PDB file of all heavy atoms in Angstrom:
ATOM      1  N   HIS A   1     227.044  10.751 252.494  1.00  0.00           N
ATOM      2  CA  HIS A   1     228.339  10.176 252.081  1.00  0.00           C
ATOM      3  C   HIS A   1     228.576  10.285 250.510  1.00  0.00           C
ATOM      4  O   HIS A   1     229.536   9.670 250.049  1.00  0.00           O
ATOM      5  CB  HIS A   1     228.383   8.718 252.475  1.00  0.00           C
ATOM      6  CG  HIS A   1     227.342   7.876 251.907  1.00  0.00           C
ATOM      7  ND1 HIS A   1     226.108   7.801 252.496  1.00  0.00           N
ATOM      8  CD2 HIS A   1     227.325   7.095 250.824  1.00  0.00           C
ATOM      9  CE1 HIS A   1     225.366   7.001 251.729  1.00  0.00           C
ATOM     10  NE2 HIS A   1     226.055   6.551 250.762  1.00  0.00           N
ATOM     11  N   ASP A   2     227.702  11.007 249.831  1.00  0.00           N
ATOM     12  CA  ASP A   2     227.838  11.000 248.360  1.00  0.00           C
ATOM     13  C   ASP A   2     228.884  12.042 247.877  1.00  0.00           C
ATOM     14  O   ASP A   2     229.346  11.898 246.748  1.00  0.00           O
ATOM     15  CB  ASP A   2     226.517  11.192 247.678  1.00  0.00           C
ATOM     16  CG  ASP A   2     225.763  12.477 248.256  1.00  0.00           C
ATOM     17  OD1 ASP A   2     226.141  12.935 249.346  1.00  0.00           O
ATOM     18  OD2 ASP A   2     224.855  12.950 247.580  1.00  0.00           O
ATOM     19  N   ASP A   3     229.186  13.023 248.657  1.00  0.00           N
ATOM     20  CA  ASP A   3     230.129  14.042 248.231  1.00  0.00           C
ATOM     21  C   ASP A   3     231.450  13.893 249.103  1.00  0.00           C
ATOM     22  O   ASP A   3     231.418  14.280 250.331  1.00  0.00           O
ATOM     23  CB  ASP A   3     229.509  15.429 248.459  1.00  0.00           C
ATOM     24  CG  ASP A   3     230.456  16.592 248.028  1.00  0.00           C
ATOM     25  OD1 ASP A   3     231.733  16.279 247.881  1.00  0.00           O
ATOM     26  OD2 ASP A   3     230.056  17.705 247.857  1.00  0.00           O
ATOM     27  N   PRO A   4     232.514  13.323 248.494  1.00  0.00           N
ATOM     28  CA  PRO A   4     233.762  13.127 249.344  1.00  0.00           C
ATOM     29  C   PRO A   4     234.297  14.355 249.986  1.00  0.00           C
ATOM     30  O   PRO A   4     234.863  14.375 251.128  1.00  0.00           O
ATOM     31  CB  PRO A   4     234.748  12.557 248.294  1.00  0.00           C
ATOM     32  CG  PRO A   4     233.872  11.984 247.174  1.00  0.00           C
ATOM     33  CD  PRO A   4     232.678  12.850 247.114  1.00  0.00           C
ATOM     34  N   HIS A   5     234.130  15.505 249.246  1.00  0.00           N
ATOM     35  CA  HIS A   5     234.696  16.786 249.795  1.00  0.00           C
ATOM     36  C   HIS A   5     233.974  17.120 251.113  1.00  0.00           C
ATOM     37  O   HIS A   5     234.627  17.477 252.132  1.00  0.00           O
ATOM     38  CB  HIS A   5     234.432  17.907 248.739  1.00  0.00           C
ATOM     39  CG  HIS A   5     234.884  19.194 249.171  1.00  0.00           C
ATOM     40  ND1 HIS A   5     236.218  19.614 249.166  1.00  0.00           N
ATOM     41  CD2 HIS A   5     234.191  20.300 249.628  1.00  0.00           C
ATOM     42  CE1 HIS A   5     236.297  20.864 249.700  1.00  0.00           C
ATOM     43  NE2 HIS A   5     235.089  21.271 249.930  1.00  0.00           N
ATOM     44  N   GLU A   6     232.638  17.014 251.100  1.00  0.00           N
ATOM     45  CA  GLU A   6     231.833  17.362 252.270  1.00  0.00           C
ATOM     46  C   GLU A   6     232.096  16.255 253.354  1.00  0.00           C
ATOM     47  O   GLU A   6     232.180  16.523 254.582  1.00  0.00           O
ATOM     48  CB  GLU A   6     230.379  17.403 251.951  1.00  0.00           C
ATOM     49  CG  GLU A   6     230.026  18.558 251.124  1.00  0.00           C
ATOM     50  CD  GLU A   6     230.205  19.870 251.804  1.00  0.00           C
ATOM     51  OE1 GLU A   6     230.020  19.964 253.063  1.00  0.00           O
ATOM     52  OE2 GLU A   6     230.653  20.852 251.128  1.00  0.00           O
ATOM     53  N   LEU A   7     232.187  14.990 252.912  1.00  0.00           N
ATOM     54  CA  LEU A   7     232.333  13.922 253.858  1.00  0.00           C
ATOM     55  C   LEU A   7     233.467  14.006 254.718  1.00  0.00           C
ATOM     56  O   LEU A   7     233.531  13.865 255.920  1.00  0.00           O
ATOM     57  CB  LEU A   7     232.370  12.608 253.052  1.00  0.00           C
ATOM     58  CG  LEU A   7     232.488  11.293 253.883  1.00  0.00           C
ATOM     59  CD1 LEU A   7     231.274  11.007 254.744  1.00  0.00           C
ATOM     60  CD2 LEU A   7     232.769  10.096 252.898  1.00  0.00           C
ATOM     61  N   LEU A   8     234.658  14.406 254.122  1.00  0.00           N
ATOM     62  CA  LEU A   8     235.924  14.513 254.886  1.00  0.00           C
ATOM     63  C   LEU A   8     236.022  15.751 255.675  1.00  0.00           C
ATOM     64  O   LEU A   8     236.991  15.938 256.492  1.00  0.00           O
ATOM     65  CB  LEU A   8     237.127  14.475 253.865  1.00  0.00           C
ATOM     66  CG  LEU A   8     237.259  13.124 253.098  1.00  0.00           C
ATOM     67  CD1 LEU A   8     238.486  13.124 252.224  1.00  0.00           C
ATOM     68  CD2 LEU A   8     237.328  11.940 254.038  1.00  0.00           C
ATOM     69  N   ARG A   9     235.025  16.631 255.592  1.00  0.00           N
ATOM     70  CA  ARG A   9     234.960  17.772 256.415  1.00  0.00           C
ATOM     71  C   ARG A   9     233.901  17.589 257.642  1.00  0.00           C
ATOM     72  O   ARG A   9     233.791  18.420 258.418  1.00  0.00           O
ATOM     73  CB  ARG A   9     234.613  19.041 255.685  1.00  0.00           C
ATOM     74  CG  ARG A   9     235.848  19.658 255.045  1.00  0.00           C
ATOM     75  CD  ARG A   9     235.524  20.536 253.876  1.00  0.00           C
ATOM     76  NE  ARG A   9     236.830  21.178 253.431  1.00  0.00           N
ATOM     77  CZ  ARG A   9     237.766  20.496 252.799  1.00  0.00           C
ATOM     78  NH1 ARG A   9     237.697  19.164 252.656  1.00  0.00           N
ATOM     79  NH2 ARG A   9     238.899  21.072 252.404  1.00  0.00           N
ATOM     80  N   SER A  10     233.189  16.497 257.567  1.00  0.00           N
ATOM     81  CA  SER A  10     232.205  16.250 258.558  1.00  0.00           C
ATOM     82  C   SER A  10     232.843  15.991 259.956  1.00  0.00           C
ATOM     83  O   SER A  10     233.839  15.248 260.022  1.00  0.00           O
ATOM     84  CB  SER A  10     231.437  14.973 258.143  1.00  0.00           C
ATOM     85  OG  SER A  10     230.873  14.342 259.334  1.00  0.00           O
ATOM     86  N   PRO A  11     232.401  16.702 260.955  1.00  0.00           N
ATOM     87  CA  PRO A  11     232.989  16.491 262.298  1.00  0.00           C
ATOM     88  C   PRO A  11     233.019  15.067 262.748  1.00  0.00           C
ATOM     89  O   PRO A  11     233.970  14.625 263.406  1.00  0.00           O
ATOM     90  CB  PRO A  11     232.087  17.369 263.233  1.00  0.00           C
ATOM     91  CG  PRO A  11     231.503  18.349 262.298  1.00  0.00           C
ATOM     92  CD  PRO A  11     231.330  17.761 260.972  1.00  0.00           C
ATOM     93  N   ASP A  12     231.973  14.240 262.410  1.00  0.00           N
ATOM     94  CA  ASP A  12     231.923  12.830 262.749  1.00  0.00           C
ATOM     95  C   ASP A  12     233.053  12.113 262.074  1.00  0.00           C
ATOM     96  O   ASP A  12     233.717  11.264 262.740  1.00  0.00           O
ATOM     97  CB  ASP A  12     230.576  12.241 262.377  1.00  0.00           C
ATOM     98  CG  ASP A  12     229.421  12.767 263.212  1.00  0.00           C
ATOM     99  OD1 ASP A  12     229.542  12.821 264.448  1.00  0.00           O
ATOM    100  OD2 ASP A  12     228.385  13.170 262.624  1.00  0.00           O
ATOM    101  N   VAL A  13     233.334  12.340 260.820  1.00  0.00           N
ATOM    102  CA  VAL A  13     234.396  11.656 260.129  1.00  0.00           C
ATOM    103  C   VAL A  13     235.715  12.013 260.608  1.00  0.00           C
ATOM    104  O   VAL A  13     236.605  11.272 260.809  1.00  0.00           O
ATOM    105  CB  VAL A  13     234.263  11.903 258.599  1.00  0.00           C
ATOM    106  CG1 VAL A  13     235.510  11.403 257.845  1.00  0.00           C
ATOM    107  CG2 VAL A  13     232.979  11.253 258.005  1.00  0.00           C
ATOM    108  N   VAL A  14     235.914  13.394 260.858  1.00  0.00           N
ATOM    109  CA  VAL A  14     237.181  13.869 261.339  1.00  0.00           C
ATOM    110  C   VAL A  14     237.484  13.223 262.723  1.00  0.00           C
ATOM    111  O   VAL A  14     238.583  12.719 262.946  1.00  0.00           O
ATOM    112  CB  VAL A  14     237.177  15.382 261.517  1.00  0.00           C
ATOM    113  CG1 VAL A  14     238.444  15.911 262.273  1.00  0.00           C
ATOM    114  CG2 VAL A  14     237.088  16.083 260.141  1.00  0.00           C
ATOM    115  N   ALA A  15     236.475  13.157 263.550  1.00  0.00           N
ATOM    116  CA  ALA A  15     236.619  12.499 264.881  1.00  0.00           C
ATOM    117  C   ALA A  15     237.009  10.991 264.760  1.00  0.00           C
ATOM    118  O   ALA A  15     237.781  10.450 265.498  1.00  0.00           O
ATOM    119  CB  ALA A  15     235.457  12.757 265.711  1.00  0.00           C
ATOM    120  N   LYS A  16     236.315  10.354 263.743  1.00  0.00           N
ATOM    121  CA  LYS A  16     236.577   8.949 263.549  1.00  0.00           C
ATOM    122  C   LYS A  16     238.013   8.671 263.127  1.00  0.00           C
ATOM    123  O   LYS A  16     238.706   7.742 263.653  1.00  0.00           O
ATOM    124  CB  LYS A  16     235.608   8.390 262.482  1.00  0.00           C
ATOM    125  CG  LYS A  16     235.878   6.971 261.985  1.00  0.00           C
ATOM    126  CD  LYS A  16     235.765   5.906 263.102  1.00  0.00           C
ATOM    127  CE  LYS A  16     235.974   4.533 262.537  1.00  0.00           C
ATOM    128  NZ  LYS A  16     236.094   3.515 263.612  1.00  0.00           N
ATOM    129  N   ILE A  17     238.494   9.438 262.169  1.00  0.00           N
ATOM    130  CA  ILE A  17     239.889   9.269 261.683  1.00  0.00           C
ATOM    131  C   ILE A  17     240.845   9.555 262.833  1.00  0.00           C
ATOM    132  O   ILE A  17     241.873   8.825 263.003  1.00  0.00           O
ATOM    133  CB  ILE A  17     240.194  10.236 260.477  1.00  0.00           C
ATOM    134  CG1 ILE A  17     239.259   9.916 259.328  1.00  0.00           C
ATOM    135  CG2 ILE A  17     241.627  10.052 260.052  1.00  0.00           C
ATOM    136  CD1 ILE A  17     239.439   8.597 258.654  1.00  0.00           C
ATOM    137  N   GLU A  18     240.557  10.557 263.582  1.00  0.00           N
ATOM    138  CA  GLU A  18     241.487  10.947 264.740  1.00  0.00           C
ATOM    139  C   GLU A  18     241.496   9.765 265.775  1.00  0.00           C
ATOM    140  O   GLU A  18     242.544   9.342 266.287  1.00  0.00           O
ATOM    141  CB  GLU A  18     241.013  12.201 265.454  1.00  0.00           C
ATOM    142  CG  GLU A  18     241.346  13.437 264.621  1.00  0.00           C
ATOM    143  CD  GLU A  18     240.884  14.744 265.251  1.00  0.00           C
ATOM    144  OE1 GLU A  18     240.143  14.649 266.316  1.00  0.00           O
ATOM    145  OE2 GLU A  18     241.202  15.860 264.723  1.00  0.00           O
ATOM    146  N   ARG A  19     240.345   9.117 266.040  1.00  0.00           N
ATOM    147  CA  ARG A  19     240.278   7.965 266.926  1.00  0.00           C
ATOM    148  C   ARG A  19     241.072   6.837 266.332  1.00  0.00           C
ATOM    149  O   ARG A  19     241.810   6.147 267.068  1.00  0.00           O
ATOM    150  CB  ARG A  19     238.879   7.526 267.186  1.00  0.00           C
ATOM    151  CG  ARG A  19     238.069   8.412 268.078  1.00  0.00           C
ATOM    152  CD  ARG A  19     236.785   7.716 268.592  1.00  0.00           C
ATOM    153  NE  ARG A  19     235.938   7.319 267.606  1.00  0.00           N
ATOM    154  CZ  ARG A  19     235.027   8.007 266.937  1.00  0.00           C
ATOM    155  NH1 ARG A  19     234.849   9.298 267.344  1.00  0.00           N
ATOM    156  NH2 ARG A  19     234.215   7.495 266.069  1.00  0.00           N
ATOM    157  N   GLU A  20     240.969   6.557 265.054  1.00  0.00           N
ATOM    158  CA  GLU A  20     241.693   5.507 264.394  1.00  0.00           C
ATOM    159  C   GLU A  20     243.196   5.680 264.512  1.00  0.00           C
ATOM    160  O   GLU A  20     244.015   4.788 264.905  1.00  0.00           O
ATOM    161  CB  GLU A  20     241.294   5.442 262.921  1.00  0.00           C
ATOM    162  CG  GLU A  20     240.053   4.755 262.643  1.00  0.00           C
ATOM    163  CD  GLU A  20     240.079   3.260 262.860  1.00  0.00           C
ATOM    164  OE1 GLU A  20     241.006   2.632 262.480  1.00  0.00           O
ATOM    165  OE2 GLU A  20     239.082   2.726 263.425  1.00  0.00           O
ATOM    166  N   VAL A  21     243.703   6.950 264.232  1.00  0.00           N
ATOM    167  CA  VAL A  21     245.056   7.266 264.298  1.00  0.00           C
ATOM    168  C   VAL A  21     245.625   7.112 265.685  1.00  0.00           C
ATOM    169  O   VAL A  21     246.609   6.483 265.980  1.00  0.00           O
ATOM    170  CB  VAL A  21     245.371   8.699 263.730  1.00  0.00           C
ATOM    171  CG1 VAL A  21     246.784   9.119 263.973  1.00  0.00           C
ATOM    172  CG2 VAL A  21     245.065   8.707 262.209  1.00  0.00           C
ATOM    173  N   MET A  22     244.959   7.820 266.595  1.00  0.00           N
ATOM    174  CA  MET A  22     245.437   7.809 267.988  1.00  0.00           C
ATOM    175  C   MET A  22     245.358   6.398 268.679  1.00  0.00           C
ATOM    176  O   MET A  22     246.192   6.014 269.455  1.00  0.00           O
ATOM    177  CB  MET A  22     244.679   8.785 268.864  1.00  0.00           C
ATOM    178  CG  MET A  22     244.709  10.215 268.352  1.00  0.00           C
ATOM    179  SD  MET A  22     246.382  10.815 267.795  1.00  0.00           S
ATOM    180  CE  MET A  22     247.014  11.432 269.341  1.00  0.00           C
ATOM    181  N   GLY A  23     244.392   5.634 268.227  1.00  0.00           N
ATOM    182  CA  GLY A  23     244.266   4.274 268.753  1.00  0.00           C
ATOM    183  C   GLY A  23     245.468   3.391 268.315  1.00  0.00           C
ATOM    184  O   GLY A  23     245.836   2.519 269.101  1.00  0.00           O
ATOM    185  N   LYS A  24     246.017   3.579 267.193  1.00  0.00           N
ATOM    186  CA  LYS A  24     247.187   2.856 266.677  1.00  0.00           C
ATOM    187  C   LYS A  24     248.470   3.303 267.373  1.00  0.00           C
ATOM    188  O   LYS A  24     249.467   2.547 267.356  1.00  0.00           O
ATOM    189  CB  LYS A  24     247.362   2.996 265.200  1.00  0.00           C
ATOM    190  CG  LYS A  24     246.183   2.571 264.345  1.00  0.00           C
ATOM    191  CD  LYS A  24     245.984   1.059 264.429  1.00  0.00           C
ATOM    192  CE  LYS A  24     244.847   0.569 263.528  1.00  0.00           C
ATOM    193  NZ  LYS A  24     244.460  -0.822 263.819  1.00  0.00           N
ATOM    194  N   LEU A  25     248.436   4.431 268.023  1.00  0.00           N
ATOM    195  CA  LEU A  25     249.639   5.015 268.598  1.00  0.00           C
ATOM    196  C   LEU A  25     249.620   5.207 270.119  1.00  0.00           C
ATOM    197  O   LEU A  25     250.495   5.882 270.706  1.00  0.00           O
ATOM    198  CB  LEU A  25     249.853   6.463 267.994  1.00  0.00           C
ATOM    199  CG  LEU A  25     249.902   6.487 266.418  1.00  0.00           C
ATOM    200  CD1 LEU A  25     250.120   7.916 266.015  1.00  0.00           C
ATOM    201  CD2 LEU A  25     251.079   5.626 265.898  1.00  0.00           C
ATOM    202  N   ARG A  26     248.667   4.555 270.767  1.00  0.00           N
ATOM    203  CA  ARG A  26     248.395   4.839 272.181  1.00  0.00           C
ATOM    204  C   ARG A  26     249.569   4.577 273.068  1.00  0.00           C
ATOM    205  O   ARG A  26     249.607   5.118 274.200  1.00  0.00           O
ATOM    206  CB  ARG A  26     247.160   4.100 272.693  1.00  0.00           C
ATOM    207  CG  ARG A  26     247.199   2.594 272.648  1.00  0.00           C
ATOM    208  CD  ARG A  26     245.979   1.988 273.412  1.00  0.00           C
ATOM    209  NE  ARG A  26     244.819   2.300 272.786  1.00  0.00           N
ATOM    210  CZ  ARG A  26     244.196   1.497 271.935  1.00  0.00           C
ATOM    211  NH1 ARG A  26     244.745   0.274 271.645  1.00  0.00           N
ATOM    212  NH2 ARG A  26     242.997   1.807 271.379  1.00  0.00           N
ATOM    213  N   ASP A  27     250.551   3.673 272.703  1.00  0.00           N
ATOM    214  CA  ASP A  27     251.625   3.381 273.633  1.00  0.00           C
ATOM    215  C   ASP A  27     252.871   4.148 273.278  1.00  0.00           C
ATOM    216  O   ASP A  27     253.943   3.863 273.812  1.00  0.00           O
ATOM    217  CB  ASP A  27     251.915   1.866 273.653  1.00  0.00           C
ATOM    218  CG  ASP A  27     252.271   1.362 272.231  1.00  0.00           C
ATOM    219  OD1 ASP A  27     251.912   2.026 271.198  1.00  0.00           O
ATOM    220  OD2 ASP A  27     252.793   0.188 272.167  1.00  0.00           O
ATOM    221  N   LEU A  28     252.763   5.173 272.451  1.00  0.00           N
ATOM    222  CA  LEU A  28     253.999   5.980 272.090  1.00  0.00           C
ATOM    223  C   LEU A  28     254.275   6.915 273.263  1.00  0.00           C
ATOM    224  O   LEU A  28     253.381   7.253 274.057  1.00  0.00           O
ATOM    225  CB  LEU A  28     253.727   6.821 270.871  1.00  0.00           C
ATOM    226  CG  LEU A  28     253.675   6.073 269.484  1.00  0.00           C
ATOM    227  CD1 LEU A  28     253.511   7.171 268.414  1.00  0.00           C
ATOM    228  CD2 LEU A  28     254.907   5.321 269.211  1.00  0.00           C
ATOM    229  N   ALA A  29     255.538   7.358 273.396  1.00  0.00           N
ATOM    230  CA  ALA A  29     255.877   8.397 274.340  1.00  0.00           C
ATOM    231  C   ALA A  29     255.161   9.645 273.957  1.00  0.00           C
ATOM    232  O   ALA A  29     254.805   9.967 272.776  1.00  0.00           O
ATOM    233  CB  ALA A  29     257.386   8.634 274.301  1.00  0.00           C
ATOM    234  N   ASN A  30     254.853  10.522 274.890  1.00  0.00           N
ATOM    235  CA  ASN A  30     254.065  11.744 274.677  1.00  0.00           C
ATOM    236  C   ASN A  30     254.722  12.636 273.569  1.00  0.00           C
ATOM    237  O   ASN A  30     254.029  13.160 272.700  1.00  0.00           O
ATOM    238  CB  ASN A  30     253.945  12.568 275.947  1.00  0.00           C
ATOM    239  CG  ASN A  30     253.122  13.773 275.833  1.00  0.00           C
ATOM    240  OD1 ASN A  30     251.963  13.662 275.356  1.00  0.00           O
ATOM    241  ND2 ASN A  30     253.668  14.947 276.096  1.00  0.00           N
ATOM    242  N   TYR A  31     256.048  12.762 273.531  1.00  0.00           N
ATOM    243  CA  TYR A  31     256.690  13.596 272.609  1.00  0.00           C
ATOM    244  C   TYR A  31     256.640  13.067 271.180  1.00  0.00           C
ATOM    245  O   TYR A  31     256.784  13.809 270.167  1.00  0.00           O
ATOM    246  CB  TYR A  31     258.173  13.859 272.959  1.00  0.00           C
ATOM    247  CG  TYR A  31     259.110  12.699 272.784  1.00  0.00           C
ATOM    248  CD1 TYR A  31     259.706  12.480 271.604  1.00  0.00           C
ATOM    249  CD2 TYR A  31     259.381  11.852 273.843  1.00  0.00           C
ATOM    250  CE1 TYR A  31     260.592  11.394 271.412  1.00  0.00           C
ATOM    251  CE2 TYR A  31     260.248  10.767 273.712  1.00  0.00           C
ATOM    252  CZ  TYR A  31     260.848  10.530 272.507  1.00  0.00           C
ATOM    253  OH  TYR A  31     261.655   9.512 272.366  1.00  0.00           O
ATOM    254  N   GLN A  32     256.326  11.750 270.985  1.00  0.00           N
ATOM    255  CA  GLN A  32     256.212  11.104 269.647  1.00  0.00           C
ATOM    256  C   GLN A  32     254.781  11.222 269.092  1.00  0.00           C
ATOM    257  O   GLN A  32     254.575  11.006 267.940  1.00  0.00           O
ATOM    258  CB  GLN A  32     256.627   9.622 269.777  1.00  0.00           C
ATOM    259  CG  GLN A  32     258.085   9.369 270.140  1.00  0.00           C
ATOM    260  CD  GLN A  32     258.258   7.926 270.377  1.00  0.00           C
ATOM    261  OE1 GLN A  32     257.552   7.217 271.125  1.00  0.00           O
ATOM    262  NE2 GLN A  32     259.265   7.362 269.654  1.00  0.00           N
TER     263      GLN A  32
END
């Protein structure tokens, strides 16, 4: 976690951010 550039490209981090985003939007219509 010491290099922000590498950190934000880590598959684990990318997956975590995607889960966070999609979790906040789970009740939206599919097209949104």
